[in-house]
Each structure stands twice: as C-alpha cells, then as structure tokens.
Amino acid sequence: MSSRDNHRAAENRAGLFALEFLYGLEKGPKKDVIDWCMSMNMIAKEYVCPTCGEKMVLCERNDISDGYHWVCRKFGMNAHHVRRNVRKGSWFDESKLSMPEILMITYLWAKKTSNEWIVDELSVSEPTVVDWKSFCREVCVDMLVNESKEMEMLGGVGVVVEIDESKFGKRKYNKVKQVDGKWVFGGVERGSKRSFFCVVEDRTAETLIEITKKFVKPGSTVLSDCWGSYNGLTVEGYVHHTVNHSKNFKDPITGVHTNGIEGTWAAIKADFRKHGTRKVAGQFDTYLAEYMWRRSFRGTSMKSILPALIGGITKLYPPHTQAHVPGK
C-alpha cells in the first residue's frame, strides 16, 4: 500500500482529527495540506488579484515551503505578474513553520501535551511551542468573549445560582492570608454545567452587582458568602441567601451552602498549579479562558474538540481573499 493510501486509511479511521492523520499531511503531497486547510476554512479558497480584480490561480511552486501560491499573470495592456502566498491573514501567516507542523502543535495543545514532548517529537524549539500555546489560549479568550455576547443568562425564578469571588496568585512567605494576584468573580448554576467567570479589578458592590445583573436573571435565587458588596442584590430583584464561611460552609438553619462554586475554584486553581505561578503571571486571563473552554468539552473526544478549536481560529484569523487596501 502506498504512503498516500496509508494516509487515506488513517483519515478514514480517525475521522480527520487524529495525530496520525496530521503526520500523514506532513509526509504526503503538499496539495493535500492545501486542500484540507481550505476545506476547514483555515486558508482562503480563492484570492482576488489586487491589480486587475480577477480571481488568481493556485499554482505549484517547488521553492516555497507550502508548495503552492496564488498567481495572476497578464500580458499586453495592463500586463502584470502578481504573486501572493496562501497564508495571508490566516492562523499560519508570518510563521516559518510548515502548515502541518502548526496543525500538529495546535492538536497537541488541545490534547494538553507537555512542551517537552512536543519539542522532542516535532523537533521545534521550546520558545516556539510556548508561543503557539499562547496563541491557542488567545483563541479561547476570543471564543468566550463571543459566546458571552450570545449566552443566555443564568438562573430564573426558582433556579439557584451560586456566586463568589476568589483571588488567584502566590501566597507571600509567612503571610498566609495575603495573596498577590487577580480577583476573579464567577457564578455556577445548580443542576447544569452553565457558569460565568470574569477577571475584576475590585470587589466593590458596583462592580460585582453589575456583573451579576449582566449574567444572572432577575428573580433567581442567588447564594453567596457574607461579603458586604452583595447586600444590594435583593433590591435588584434577586432572592438572596448567604452563608458565613468564617463559621461554617453550610448554614445550619437555612441549609444554604456554596459548595458548587467553591469546588469550581478548587478545580481551576489545581489546574493552574500544573502550569506554575510564574508561567501564568501576565497571562492569567488566557489561562482562565483555556480552563473554561476545556470545561465545556469535558468528557468529549478530539472529534468534537479540534473542530471547535479550528472554528474559533478561523473566526479570529479569517484568511484574506484579497489584498488589504488602506483606508477602506
């Protein structure tokens, strides 16, 4: 069986979304890479000539890494010979890596593969891997921002939403209660996986109540700790109950507890500890976005995860179909 036939067989078994398939793209004909990336909308299917306005032709070229580029060549009046690479505006633009290498790093990030393994397996530098993982997290941020614009609010009459704020960072030596880092405010709807989380500059009533109003429907039953900033929730139309965490985690009279949101904080912080505080510093928002994005795919396979990631990539990096004209 030829290498191309082996590649096709791997494609059929893997549903297009296995590392074996991406290795096949790396070793197979470059036109296969172009066709697959076009089919996933990761590069443009056509490109308009900036000189004559006609569609350019995809032509083979052996002295470039992608093996193909866009060409428009005219003779006579308005003669011109215009060439454009296939990566313009895309996820692959401005990178010296091959497109299959970038696809494999993207795949391996989605699989939560270590930097060391990627460096050894793909023979790329660790700074390169770190950069591309950062790019992937930025895609998560963009996806969550877009989802929050369309997200249906949590809660409703008779529905319980637990809210809380937590500080993420490193405890100072011998100062157990003092933590440097970022405040994150979040809420979890009981009985579902739905939640919201956002980084906040402060924990004032104005900040926390406005965010609650943005994400939680009026009439919802909102559970919180006794932080004073939550005192105005009843006025805003919420049924508000509190539990005093300094005394217990479940009110012995009302039975109110915030175990759901507390458990979520614990899970997020445990995930961050795997990265190390120093690595997260300065990129906290992107690591939080990565956690929340992965949380929405918990229990699913790469056949669901990778297409969703690629969909987010193509929205943030839509491939150019024509040259950018300044001022237009």
C-alpha atoms as a PDB file:
ATOM      1  CA  MET A   1       0.000   0.000   0.000  1.00  0.00           C
ATOM      2  CA  SER A   2       1.403   3.441  -0.949  1.00  0.00           C
ATOM      3  CA  SER A   3       2.040   6.189   1.624  1.00  0.00           C
ATOM      4  CA  ARG A   4      -0.891   8.104   0.163  1.00  0.00           C
ATOM      5  CA  ASP A   5      -3.173   5.072   0.553  1.00  0.00           C
ATOM      6  CA  ASN A   6      -1.968   4.633   4.125  1.00  0.00           C
ATOM      7  CA  HIS A   7      -2.754   8.277   4.732  1.00  0.00           C
ATOM      8  CA  ARG A   8      -6.279   7.891   3.363  1.00  0.00           C
ATOM      9  CA  ALA A   9      -6.846   4.816   5.541  1.00  0.00           C
ATOM     10  CA  ALA A  10      -5.696   6.725   8.618  1.00  0.00           C
ATOM     11  CA  GLU A  11      -8.033   9.549   7.642  1.00  0.00           C
ATOM     12  CA  ASN A  12     -10.997   7.185   7.490  1.00  0.00           C
ATOM     13  CA  ARG A  13     -10.188   5.575  10.846  1.00  0.00           C
ATOM     14  CA  ALA A  14      -9.501   8.845  12.653  1.00  0.00           C
ATOM     15  CA  GLY A  15     -12.304  10.970  11.293  1.00  0.00           C
ATOM     16  CA  LEU A  16      -9.669  13.534  10.213  1.00  0.00           C
ATOM     17  CA  PHE A  17      -8.834  14.520  13.790  1.00  0.00           C
ATOM     18  CA  ALA A  18      -6.006  12.251  14.972  1.00  0.00           C
ATOM     19  CA  LEU A  19      -2.290  12.944  15.154  1.00  0.00           C
ATOM     20  CA  GLU A  20      -1.651  10.083  12.726  1.00  0.00           C
ATOM     21  CA  PHE A  21      -3.659  11.950  10.105  1.00  0.00           C
ATOM     22  CA  LEU A  22      -1.679  15.157  10.659  1.00  0.00           C
ATOM     23  CA  TYR A  23       1.606  13.244  10.389  1.00  0.00           C
ATOM     24  CA  GLY A  24       0.271  11.988   7.071  1.00  0.00           C
ATOM     25  CA  LEU A  25      -0.268  15.552   5.903  1.00  0.00           C
ATOM     26  CA  GLU A  26       3.317  16.387   6.841  1.00  0.00           C
ATOM     27  CA  LYS A  27       4.726  13.485   4.832  1.00  0.00           C
ATOM     28  CA  GLY A  28       2.227  13.456   1.967  1.00  0.00           C
ATOM     29  CA  PRO A  29       1.707  15.668  -1.101  1.00  0.00           C
ATOM     30  CA  LYS A  30       1.591  19.381  -0.300  1.00  0.00           C
ATOM     31  CA  LYS A  31      -1.609  19.741  -2.285  1.00  0.00           C
ATOM     32  CA  ASP A  32      -3.306  17.524   0.330  1.00  0.00           C
ATOM     33  CA  VAL A  33      -2.352  20.069   3.004  1.00  0.00           C
ATOM     34  CA  ILE A  34      -3.719  22.926   0.903  1.00  0.00           C
ATOM     35  CA  ASP A  35      -6.963  21.081   0.164  1.00  0.00           C
ATOM     36  CA  TRP A  36      -7.537  20.100   3.794  1.00  0.00           C
ATOM     37  CA  CYS A  37      -6.851  23.591   5.128  1.00  0.00           C
ATOM     38  CA  MET A  38      -9.199  25.047   2.521  1.00  0.00           C
ATOM     39  CA  SER A  39     -11.884  22.523   3.481  1.00  0.00           C
ATOM     40  CA  MET A  40     -11.585  23.700   7.114  1.00  0.00           C
ATOM     41  CA  ASN A  41     -11.603  27.393   6.058  1.00  0.00           C
ATOM     42  CA  MET A  42      -8.137  27.820   7.549  1.00  0.00           C
ATOM     43  CA  ILE A  43      -6.804  29.306   4.304  1.00  0.00           C
ATOM     44  CA  ALA A  44      -8.675  31.072   1.519  1.00  0.00           C
ATOM     45  CA  LYS A  45     -10.260  29.050  -1.278  1.00  0.00           C
ATOM     46  CA  GLU A  46      -9.729  31.939  -3.691  1.00  0.00           C
ATOM     47  CA  TYR A  47      -7.813  35.209  -3.890  1.00  0.00           C
ATOM     48  CA  VAL A  48      -8.596  38.345  -5.881  1.00  0.00           C
ATOM     49  CA  CYS A  49      -5.782  39.974  -7.823  1.00  0.00           C
ATOM     50  CA  PRO A  50      -5.119  43.471  -6.426  1.00  0.00           C
ATOM     51  CA  THR A  51      -4.138  44.703  -9.901  1.00  0.00           C
ATOM     52  CA  CYS A  52      -6.946  43.533 -12.192  1.00  0.00           C
ATOM     53  CA  GLY A  53      -9.616  42.376  -9.737  1.00  0.00           C
ATOM     54  CA  GLU A  54      -9.865  38.897 -11.258  1.00  0.00           C
ATOM     55  CA  LYS A  55      -9.518  35.641  -9.343  1.00  0.00           C
ATOM     56  CA  MET A  56      -5.944  34.458  -9.083  1.00  0.00           C
ATOM     57  CA  VAL A  57      -4.871  30.906  -9.950  1.00  0.00           C
ATOM     58  CA  LEU A  58      -3.426  28.477  -7.412  1.00  0.00           C
ATOM     59  CA  CYS A  59      -0.099  27.343  -8.888  1.00  0.00           C
ATOM     60  CA  GLU A  60       2.539  24.868  -7.778  1.00  0.00           C
ATOM     61  CA  ARG A  61       5.906  26.257  -6.736  1.00  0.00           C
ATOM     62  CA  ASN A  62       8.679  23.980  -5.525  1.00  0.00           C
ATOM     63  CA  ASP A  63      10.922  26.591  -3.881  1.00  0.00           C
ATOM     64  CA  ILE A  64       8.465  27.578  -1.114  1.00  0.00           C
ATOM     65  CA  SER A  65       7.505  25.535   1.941  1.00  0.00           C
ATOM     66  CA  ASP A  66       3.781  25.432   1.187  1.00  0.00           C
ATOM     67  CA  GLY A  67       4.381  24.191  -2.360  1.00  0.00           C
ATOM     68  CA  TYR A  68       1.662  26.453  -3.816  1.00  0.00           C
ATOM     69  CA  HIS A  69       0.879  30.149  -4.158  1.00  0.00           C
ATOM     70  CA  TRP A  70      -1.644  32.433  -5.853  1.00  0.00           C
ATOM     71  CA  VAL A  71      -0.651  33.821  -9.265  1.00  0.00           C
ATOM     72  CA  CYS A  72      -2.175  36.307 -11.695  1.00  0.00           C
ATOM     73  CA  ARG A  73      -0.213  36.898 -14.893  1.00  0.00           C
ATOM     74  CA  LYS A  74      -1.463  39.063 -17.747  1.00  0.00           C
ATOM     75  CA  PHE A  75       0.235  40.147 -20.986  1.00  0.00           C
ATOM     76  CA  GLY A  76      -0.343  43.098 -23.296  1.00  0.00           C
ATOM     77  CA  MET A  77      -2.130  46.136 -21.900  1.00  0.00           C
ATOM     78  CA  ASN A  78      -2.250  46.148 -18.106  1.00  0.00           C
ATOM     79  CA  ALA A  79       0.444  43.466 -18.075  1.00  0.00           C
ATOM     80  CA  HIS A  80       1.308  42.266 -14.597  1.00  0.00           C
ATOM     81  CA  HIS A  81       2.642  39.291 -12.722  1.00  0.00           C
ATOM     82  CA  VAL A  82       1.264  39.212  -9.163  1.00  0.00           C
ATOM     83  CA  ARG A  83       2.003  36.500  -6.600  1.00  0.00           C
ATOM     84  CA  ARG A  84       0.575  36.009  -3.116  1.00  0.00           C
ATOM     85  CA  ASN A  85       1.199  33.282  -0.545  1.00  0.00           C
ATOM     86  CA  VAL A  86      -1.704  31.119   0.569  1.00  0.00           C
ATOM     87  CA  ARG A  87      -1.364  32.054   4.252  1.00  0.00           C
ATOM     88  CA  LYS A  88      -2.471  35.697   4.139  1.00  0.00           C
ATOM     89  CA  GLY A  89      -4.442  36.623   7.256  1.00  0.00           C
ATOM     90  CA  SER A  90      -4.655  33.020   8.411  1.00  0.00           C
ATOM     91  CA  TRP A  91      -3.538  31.098  11.508  1.00  0.00           C
ATOM     92  CA  PHE A  92      -0.374  30.194   9.575  1.00  0.00           C
ATOM     93  CA  ASP A  93       0.534  33.723   8.451  1.00  0.00           C
ATOM     94  CA  GLU A  94       4.004  35.063   9.327  1.00  0.00           C
ATOM     95  CA  SER A  95       5.238  31.715  10.682  1.00  0.00           C
ATOM     96  CA  LYS A  96       8.321  29.871   9.434  1.00  0.00           C
ATOM     97  CA  LEU A  97       6.861  26.505  10.462  1.00  0.00           C
ATOM     98  CA  SER A  98       5.164  24.316   7.896  1.00  0.00           C
ATOM     99  CA  MET A  99       1.376  24.246   7.997  1.00  0.00           C
ATOM    100  CA  PRO A 100       1.323  20.584   9.157  1.00  0.00           C
ATOM    101  CA  GLU A 101       3.737  21.460  11.986  1.00  0.00           C
ATOM    102  CA  ILE A 102       1.422  24.252  13.129  1.00  0.00           C
ATOM    103  CA  LEU A 103      -1.573  21.933  12.878  1.00  0.00           C
ATOM    104  CA  MET A 104       0.222  19.318  14.983  1.00  0.00           C
ATOM    105  CA  ILE A 105       1.173  21.844  17.681  1.00  0.00           C
ATOM    106  CA  THR A 106      -2.430  23.066  17.712  1.00  0.00           C
ATOM    107  CA  TYR A 107      -3.681  19.499  18.031  1.00  0.00           C
ATOM    108  CA  LEU A 108      -1.197  18.674  20.791  1.00  0.00           C
ATOM    109  CA  TRP A 109      -2.162  21.807  22.737  1.00  0.00           C
ATOM    110  CA  ALA A 110      -5.789  20.661  22.572  1.00  0.00           C
ATOM    111  CA  LYS A 111      -4.602  17.283  23.933  1.00  0.00           C
ATOM    112  CA  LYS A 112      -2.781  19.075  26.801  1.00  0.00           C
ATOM    113  CA  THR A 113       0.554  17.624  25.673  1.00  0.00           C
ATOM    114  CA  SER A 114       3.677  18.785  27.522  1.00  0.00           C
ATOM    115  CA  ASN A 115       6.127  21.220  25.964  1.00  0.00           C
ATOM    116  CA  GLU A 116       8.927  18.667  26.351  1.00  0.00           C
ATOM    117  CA  TRP A 117       7.068  16.015  24.360  1.00  0.00           C
ATOM    118  CA  ILE A 118       6.212  18.429  21.546  1.00  0.00           C
ATOM    119  CA  VAL A 119       9.802  19.705  21.357  1.00  0.00           C
ATOM    120  CA  ASP A 120      11.177  16.157  21.136  1.00  0.00           C
ATOM    121  CA  GLU A 121       8.543  14.805  18.770  1.00  0.00           C
ATOM    122  CA  LEU A 122       8.368  17.707  16.300  1.00  0.00           C
ATOM    123  CA  SER A 123      11.978  18.960  16.610  1.00  0.00           C
ATOM    124  CA  VAL A 124      10.899  22.537  17.290  1.00  0.00           C
ATOM    125  CA  SER A 125      12.229  24.896  19.955  1.00  0.00           C
ATOM    126  CA  GLU A 126      10.521  25.315  23.317  1.00  0.00           C
ATOM    127  CA  PRO A 127      10.009  29.094  22.795  1.00  0.00           C
ATOM    128  CA  THR A 128       8.153  28.221  19.591  1.00  0.00           C
ATOM    129  CA  VAL A 129       5.892  25.792  21.456  1.00  0.00           C
ATOM    130  CA  VAL A 130       5.293  28.332  24.243  1.00  0.00           C
ATOM    131  CA  ASP A 131       4.325  30.971  21.673  1.00  0.00           C
ATOM    132  CA  TRP A 132       1.867  28.713  19.863  1.00  0.00           C
ATOM    133  CA  LYS A 133       0.257  27.559  23.089  1.00  0.00           C
ATOM    134  CA  SER A 134      -0.190  31.224  23.978  1.00  0.00           C
ATOM    135  CA  PHE A 135      -1.827  31.810  20.579  1.00  0.00           C
ATOM    136  CA  CYS A 136      -4.218  28.917  21.289  1.00  0.00           C
ATOM    137  CA  ARG A 137      -5.209  30.426  24.635  1.00  0.00           C
ATOM    138  CA  GLU A 138      -5.875  33.753  22.913  1.00  0.00           C
ATOM    139  CA  VAL A 139      -8.307  31.906  20.654  1.00  0.00           C
ATOM    140  CA  CYS A 140     -10.049  30.633  23.808  1.00  0.00           C
ATOM    141  CA  VAL A 141     -10.391  34.204  25.049  1.00  0.00           C
ATOM    142  CA  ASP A 142     -11.951  35.280  21.767  1.00  0.00           C
ATOM    143  CA  MET A 143     -14.346  32.321  21.750  1.00  0.00           C
ATOM    144  CA  LEU A 144     -15.501  33.008  25.309  1.00  0.00           C
ATOM    145  CA  VAL A 145     -15.986  36.712  24.586  1.00  0.00           C
ATOM    146  CA  ASN A 146     -18.107  35.858  21.551  1.00  0.00           C
ATOM    147  CA  GLU A 147     -20.070  33.235  23.490  1.00  0.00           C
ATOM    148  CA  SER A 148     -20.753  35.664  26.337  1.00  0.00           C
ATOM    149  CA  LYS A 149     -22.360  38.078  23.870  1.00  0.00           C
ATOM    150  CA  GLU A 150     -24.794  35.367  22.807  1.00  0.00           C
ATOM    151  CA  MET A 151     -25.035  33.440  26.082  1.00  0.00           C
ATOM    152  CA  GLU A 152     -28.436  33.102  27.656  1.00  0.00           C
ATOM    153  CA  MET A 153     -28.410  34.479  31.190  1.00  0.00           C
ATOM    154  CA  LEU A 154     -28.122  32.016  34.061  1.00  0.00           C
ATOM    155  CA  GLY A 155     -30.871  31.309  36.549  1.00  0.00           C
ATOM    156  CA  GLY A 156     -34.518  32.287  36.576  1.00  0.00           C
ATOM    157  CA  VAL A 157     -37.348  32.048  39.078  1.00  0.00           C
ATOM    158  CA  GLY A 158     -36.750  29.013  41.299  1.00  0.00           C
ATOM    159  CA  VAL A 159     -33.253  28.409  39.879  1.00  0.00           C
ATOM    160  CA  VAL A 160     -30.247  28.620  42.217  1.00  0.00           C
ATOM    161  CA  VAL A 161     -27.054  30.396  41.158  1.00  0.00           C
ATOM    162  CA  GLU A 162     -24.033  30.354  43.478  1.00  0.00           C
ATOM    163  CA  ILE A 163     -21.732  33.368  43.197  1.00  0.00           C
ATOM    164  CA  ASP A 164     -18.350  34.005  44.746  1.00  0.00           C
ATOM    165  CA  GLU A 165     -15.063  35.765  44.178  1.00  0.00           C
ATOM    166  CA  SER A 166     -11.605  34.282  44.580  1.00  0.00           C
ATOM    167  CA  LYS A 167      -8.056  35.556  44.328  1.00  0.00           C
ATOM    168  CA  PHE A 168      -5.563  33.701  42.185  1.00  0.00           C
ATOM    169  CA  GLY A 169      -1.865  34.051  42.863  1.00  0.00           C
ATOM    170  CA  LYS A 170       1.010  33.105  45.128  1.00  0.00           C
ATOM    171  CA  ARG A 171       0.830  33.447  48.916  1.00  0.00           C
ATOM    172  CA  LYS A 172       3.651  35.539  50.345  1.00  0.00           C
ATOM    173  CA  TYR A 173       6.127  33.780  52.627  1.00  0.00           C
ATOM    174  CA  ASN A 174       4.917  33.778  56.260  1.00  0.00           C
ATOM    175  CA  LYS A 175       1.804  35.780  55.350  1.00  0.00           C
ATOM    176  CA  VAL A 176      -0.742  33.024  54.910  1.00  0.00           C
ATOM    177  CA  LYS A 177      -3.734  35.297  54.358  1.00  0.00           C
ATOM    178  CA  GLN A 178      -2.088  37.670  51.895  1.00  0.00           C
ATOM    179  CA  VAL A 179      -2.214  36.699  48.235  1.00  0.00           C
ATOM    180  CA  ASP A 180      -0.807  38.587  45.246  1.00  0.00           C
ATOM    181  CA  GLY A 181      -2.714  38.052  42.039  1.00  0.00           C
ATOM    182  CA  LYS A 182      -6.006  38.612  40.246  1.00  0.00           C
ATOM    183  CA  TRP A 183      -9.556  38.645  41.571  1.00  0.00           C
ATOM    184  CA  VAL A 184     -11.998  36.522  39.610  1.00  0.00           C
ATOM    185  CA  PHE A 185     -15.759  36.740  40.075  1.00  0.00           C
ATOM    186  CA  GLY A 186     -17.930  33.865  38.966  1.00  0.00           C
ATOM    187  CA  GLY A 187     -21.221  32.070  39.213  1.00  0.00           C
ATOM    188  CA  VAL A 188     -22.409  28.490  38.777  1.00  0.00           C
ATOM    189  CA  GLU A 189     -25.994  27.439  38.071  1.00  0.00           C
ATOM    190  CA  ARG A 190     -27.021  24.408  40.105  1.00  0.00           C
ATOM    191  CA  GLY A 191     -28.237  21.444  38.118  1.00  0.00           C
ATOM    192  CA  SER A 192     -26.329  22.370  34.952  1.00  0.00           C
ATOM    193  CA  LYS A 193     -22.787  22.993  33.748  1.00  0.00           C
ATOM    194  CA  ARG A 194     -23.586  26.610  32.944  1.00  0.00           C
ATOM    195  CA  SER A 195     -21.408  29.267  34.522  1.00  0.00           C
ATOM    196  CA  PHE A 196     -19.724  32.622  34.053  1.00  0.00           C
ATOM    197  CA  PHE A 197     -16.306  33.846  35.153  1.00  0.00           C
ATOM    198  CA  CYS A 198     -14.532  37.149  34.644  1.00  0.00           C
ATOM    199  CA  VAL A 199     -11.472  38.950  35.962  1.00  0.00           C
ATOM    200  CA  VAL A 200     -12.355  42.046  38.034  1.00  0.00           C
ATOM    201  CA  GLU A 201     -10.259  44.988  39.194  1.00  0.00           C
ATOM    202  CA  ASP A 202     -12.042  45.236  42.546  1.00  0.00           C
ATOM    203  CA  ARG A 203     -14.782  43.671  44.679  1.00  0.00           C
ATOM    204  CA  THR A 204     -16.930  46.742  45.190  1.00  0.00           C
ATOM    205  CA  ALA A 205     -20.724  46.464  45.229  1.00  0.00           C
ATOM    206  CA  GLU A 206     -20.907  48.452  41.997  1.00  0.00           C
ATOM    207  CA  THR A 207     -18.622  46.021  40.173  1.00  0.00           C
ATOM    208  CA  LEU A 208     -19.990  42.718  41.486  1.00  0.00           C
ATOM    209  CA  ILE A 209     -23.685  43.619  41.295  1.00  0.00           C
ATOM    210  CA  GLU A 210     -23.374  44.984  37.742  1.00  0.00           C
ATOM    211  CA  ILE A 211     -21.701  41.765  36.602  1.00  0.00           C
ATOM    212  CA  THR A 212     -24.361  39.698  38.375  1.00  0.00           C
ATOM    213  CA  LYS A 213     -27.079  41.674  36.563  1.00  0.00           C
ATOM    214  CA  LYS A 214     -25.295  41.002  33.268  1.00  0.00           C
ATOM    215  CA  PHE A 215     -25.154  37.223  33.708  1.00  0.00           C
ATOM    216  CA  VAL A 216     -27.970  36.240  36.114  1.00  0.00           C
ATOM    217  CA  LYS A 217     -31.701  36.692  35.504  1.00  0.00           C
ATOM    218  CA  PRO A 218     -33.751  38.737  37.990  1.00  0.00           C
ATOM    219  CA  GLY A 219     -35.856  36.501  40.219  1.00  0.00           C
ATOM    220  CA  SER A 220     -33.072  33.925  40.538  1.00  0.00           C
ATOM    221  CA  THR A 221     -32.129  32.583  43.951  1.00  0.00           C
ATOM    222  CA  VAL A 222     -28.570  33.810  44.472  1.00  0.00           C
ATOM    223  CA  LEU A 223     -26.345  32.225  47.116  1.00  0.00           C
ATOM    224  CA  SER A 224     -23.183  33.963  48.308  1.00  0.00           C
ATOM    225  CA  ASP A 225     -20.909  34.404  51.285  1.00  0.00           C
ATOM    226  CA  CYS A 226     -21.361  37.373  53.618  1.00  0.00           C
ATOM    227  CA  TRP A 227     -19.170  39.806  51.665  1.00  0.00           C
ATOM    228  CA  GLY A 228     -20.833  43.222  52.062  1.00  0.00           C
ATOM    229  CA  SER A 229     -20.802  44.020  48.346  1.00  0.00           C
ATOM    230  CA  TYR A 230     -23.613  41.506  47.820  1.00  0.00           C
ATOM    231  CA  ASN A 231     -26.032  43.262  50.187  1.00  0.00           C
ATOM    232  CA  GLY A 232     -27.790  45.128  47.376  1.00  0.00           C
ATOM    233  CA  LEU A 233     -28.825  42.022  45.429  1.00  0.00           C
ATOM    234  CA  THR A 234     -32.306  41.867  46.984  1.00  0.00           C
ATOM    235  CA  VAL A 235     -33.015  45.426  45.835  1.00  0.00           C
ATOM    236  CA  GLU A 236     -32.072  44.361  42.299  1.00  0.00           C
ATOM    237  CA  GLY A 237     -34.795  41.693  42.269  1.00  0.00           C
ATOM    238  CA  TYR A 238     -32.888  38.597  43.392  1.00  0.00           C
ATOM    239  CA  VAL A 239     -33.775  36.177  46.184  1.00  0.00           C
ATOM    240  CA  HIS A 240     -30.535  36.430  48.135  1.00  0.00           C
ATOM    241  CA  HIS A 241     -29.265  33.999  50.789  1.00  0.00           C
ATOM    242  CA  THR A 242     -25.867  33.966  52.484  1.00  0.00           C
ATOM    243  CA  VAL A 243     -23.616  31.544  54.346  1.00  0.00           C
ATOM    244  CA  ASN A 244     -20.943  32.747  56.774  1.00  0.00           C
ATOM    245  CA  HIS A 245     -17.790  30.880  55.757  1.00  0.00           C
ATOM    246  CA  SER A 246     -15.930  32.069  58.850  1.00  0.00           C
ATOM    247  CA  LYS A 247     -18.279  29.901  60.934  1.00  0.00           C
ATOM    248  CA  ASN A 248     -19.365  27.099  58.610  1.00  0.00           C
ATOM    249  CA  PHE A 249     -19.768  26.205  54.939  1.00  0.00           C
ATOM    250  CA  LYS A 250     -23.431  25.314  55.326  1.00  0.00           C
ATOM    251  CA  ASP A 251     -25.885  27.462  57.242  1.00  0.00           C
ATOM    252  CA  PRO A 252     -27.317  25.156  59.943  1.00  0.00           C
ATOM    253  CA  ILE A 253     -30.688  26.923  59.839  1.00  0.00           C
ATOM    254  CA  THR A 254     -31.305  27.657  56.161  1.00  0.00           C
ATOM    255  CA  GLY A 255     -29.144  24.858  54.727  1.00  0.00           C
ATOM    256  CA  VAL A 256     -27.544  27.363  52.347  1.00  0.00           C
ATOM    257  CA  HIS A 257     -24.105  26.355  51.046  1.00  0.00           C
ATOM    258  CA  THR A 258     -21.857  27.364  48.151  1.00  0.00           C
ATOM    259  CA  ASN A 259     -20.119  24.049  47.580  1.00  0.00           C
ATOM    260  CA  GLY A 260     -20.603  24.217  43.808  1.00  0.00           C
ATOM    261  CA  ILE A 261     -18.715  27.450  43.208  1.00  0.00           C
ATOM    262  CA  GLU A 262     -16.124  26.598  45.894  1.00  0.00           C
ATOM    263  CA  GLY A 263     -15.444  23.292  44.166  1.00  0.00           C
ATOM    264  CA  THR A 264     -15.040  25.104  40.853  1.00  0.00           C
ATOM    265  CA  TRP A 265     -12.450  27.488  42.335  1.00  0.00           C
ATOM    266  CA  ALA A 266     -10.541  24.494  43.705  1.00  0.00           C
ATOM    267  CA  ALA A 267     -10.534  22.817  40.284  1.00  0.00           C
ATOM    268  CA  ILE A 268      -9.356  25.965  38.487  1.00  0.00           C
ATOM    269  CA  LYS A 269      -6.570  26.580  40.999  1.00  0.00           C
ATOM    270  CA  ALA A 270      -5.440  22.954  40.827  1.00  0.00           C
ATOM    271  CA  ASP A 271      -5.231  23.284  37.047  1.00  0.00           C
ATOM    272  CA  PHE A 272      -3.188  26.486  37.357  1.00  0.00           C
ATOM    273  CA  ARG A 273      -0.733  24.849  39.767  1.00  0.00           C
ATOM    274  CA  LYS A 274       0.175  22.416  36.990  1.00  0.00           C
ATOM    275  CA  HIS A 275       1.406  25.371  34.926  1.00  0.00           C
ATOM    276  CA  GLY A 276       3.238  27.037  37.820  1.00  0.00           C
ATOM    277  CA  THR A 277       2.519  30.534  39.115  1.00  0.00           C
ATOM    278  CA  ARG A 278       5.411  32.144  37.259  1.00  0.00           C
ATOM    279  CA  LYS A 279       4.257  30.790  33.908  1.00  0.00           C
ATOM    280  CA  VAL A 280       0.706  32.050  34.476  1.00  0.00           C
ATOM    281  CA  ALA A 281       1.843  35.521  35.563  1.00  0.00           C
ATOM    282  CA  GLY A 282       0.903  38.140  32.981  1.00  0.00           C
ATOM    283  CA  GLN A 283      -1.305  35.691  31.069  1.00  0.00           C
ATOM    284  CA  PHE A 284      -3.895  34.943  33.739  1.00  0.00           C
ATOM    285  CA  ASP A 285      -6.898  35.883  31.592  1.00  0.00           C
ATOM    286  CA  THR A 286      -5.833  33.500  28.833  1.00  0.00           C
ATOM    287  CA  TYR A 287      -5.256  30.582  31.224  1.00  0.00           C
ATOM    288  CA  LEU A 288      -8.675  31.165  32.794  1.00  0.00           C
ATOM    289  CA  ALA A 289     -10.234  31.252  29.318  1.00  0.00           C
ATOM    290  CA  GLU A 290      -8.471  27.988  28.445  1.00  0.00           C
ATOM    291  CA  TYR A 291      -9.823  26.333  31.586  1.00  0.00           C
ATOM    292  CA  MET A 292     -13.380  27.481  30.919  1.00  0.00           C
ATOM    293  CA  TRP A 293     -13.214  26.434  27.257  1.00  0.00           C
ATOM    294  CA  ARG A 294     -11.898  22.979  28.148  1.00  0.00           C
ATOM    295  CA  ARG A 295     -14.529  22.661  30.868  1.00  0.00           C
ATOM    296  CA  SER A 296     -17.264  22.962  28.254  1.00  0.00           C
ATOM    297  CA  PHE A 297     -15.804  19.930  26.407  1.00  0.00           C
ATOM    298  CA  ARG A 298     -15.208  17.720  29.430  1.00  0.00           C
ATOM    299  CA  GLY A 299     -15.879  14.075  28.576  1.00  0.00           C
ATOM    300  CA  THR A 300     -15.799  14.604  24.801  1.00  0.00           C
ATOM    301  CA  SER A 301     -13.278  13.374  22.222  1.00  0.00           C
ATOM    302  CA  MET A 302     -10.928  15.211  19.884  1.00  0.00           C
ATOM    303  CA  LYS A 303     -13.532  14.700  17.158  1.00  0.00           C
ATOM    304  CA  SER A 304     -15.521  17.396  18.974  1.00  0.00           C
ATOM    305  CA  ILE A 305     -12.730  19.454  20.489  1.00  0.00           C
ATOM    306  CA  LEU A 306     -10.484  20.055  17.469  1.00  0.00           C
ATOM    307  CA  PRO A 307     -13.232  21.193  15.050  1.00  0.00           C
ATOM    308  CA  ALA A 308     -14.477  23.619  17.724  1.00  0.00           C
ATOM    309  CA  LEU A 309     -10.960  24.981  18.188  1.00  0.00           C
ATOM    310  CA  ILE A 310     -10.466  25.324  14.440  1.00  0.00           C
ATOM    311  CA  GLY A 311     -13.803  27.139  14.241  1.00  0.00           C
ATOM    312  CA  GLY A 312     -12.553  29.621  16.831  1.00  0.00           C
ATOM    313  CA  ILE A 313      -9.259  30.004  14.981  1.00  0.00           C
ATOM    314  CA  THR A 314     -10.943  30.820  11.672  1.00  0.00           C
ATOM    315  CA  LYS A 315     -13.103  33.495  13.318  1.00  0.00           C
ATOM    316  CA  LEU A 316     -10.118  35.189  14.946  1.00  0.00           C
ATOM    317  CA  TYR A 317      -7.859  34.654  11.924  1.00  0.00           C
ATOM    318  CA  PRO A 318     -10.122  34.770   8.854  1.00  0.00           C
ATOM    319  CA  PRO A 319      -7.951  34.124   5.792  1.00  0.00           C
ATOM    320  CA  HIS A 320      -7.678  37.023   3.370  1.00  0.00           C
ATOM    321  CA  THR A 321      -9.351  36.661  -0.010  1.00  0.00           C
ATOM    322  CA  GLN A 322      -7.942  39.909  -1.358  1.00  0.00           C
ATOM    323  CA  ALA A 323      -5.226  42.429  -0.581  1.00  0.00           C
ATOM    324  CA  HIS A 324      -5.931  44.945   2.149  1.00  0.00           C
ATOM    325  CA  VAL A 325      -6.422  48.445   0.755  1.00  0.00           C
ATOM    326  CA  PRO A 326      -5.530  51.185   3.300  1.00  0.00           C
ATOM    327  CA  GLY A 327      -8.434  53.486   4.112  1.00  0.00           C
ATOM    328  CA  LYS A 328     -11.121  51.004   3.001  1.00  0.00           C
END
